[in-house]
Amino acid sequence: MSGKRGDAHHARVNVFITGGSGFIGRGLIPALAGRGHRVAALVRTGSEGRLPAGCRVVVGDPLRGETYAAAAAGADCFVHLVGVSKPRPGKEREFVEIDLKSVQAAVAVARQGKARHFLYLSVAQPAPVMRAYIEVRQRGEALLRESGLAATIVRPWYVLGPGRRWPVLLLPFNWLLRQIPATREAAERLGFVTLEEITACMVHAIEHPAQGVRVIDVPGIRRMAAEAGR
């Protein structure tokens, strides 16, 4: 995604990000900064060096909203990316203690700070695996719907990028399933997207905020990324 295109057409946005030191956050922050947006990112003590350049560092605890509420107040867009690293079966307790508790805190802070738009990284659903993880993300989505906040919910399944390339081996199988009418919808919904695609999608969503609650699935991520690249 170009760092220049669109700068003259979109107002600068004040963005507050939780989980900015993670895989997706490290791609999103430079993309936003490169388009002139003002970014503040939350990190725990000791992790400040993991944030990319282009943002204001906010030290706090994503599970305790009071530690960062003042820094998030007045944000145009609140982006919540916090989650268990490399989610897999067996991490059910972590999904509740980290993913759910952090989004509960984030939604409360965003409402208190009168954020105009909330972007939530969820997960593709339904799916035959990772039920505990999906259930927690569904609870996060429900919190947003009940909050009254304008929100964009982004639902990738697996994001390909540096160190996350092994699913490429499954691409031929996914292509085959997309050719069969009975499995086409599920194969598209549970398809892979690249880090570049989800970054472009999120930047576009931030620059074009939802008026109510908007859900962007895997095909939607690809479409929005392509639209942003035109």
Foldseek 3Di string as FASTA:
>chain_A
DDLDPCLVPFDAFEEEEEPLLDDLNQVQQVSSLSSPHAYEYEDEPPCQVSHDPRYHYQHDDLLALVSCLVVCAPGQEYEYDWDDPPDDPPCLVRLCVTVQSSLVSSLVSCLVSVHQEYEYEAAQDDDPDPVSRNVSSVVSVVCQQVSFHQYEYEHAHEEDDVVRPVCVVCVVVLVVLCVDVVRNVVSQQHDYHYSLLQSQLVSQCSRVPGPHYHYATNVNSNVSSVVSVD
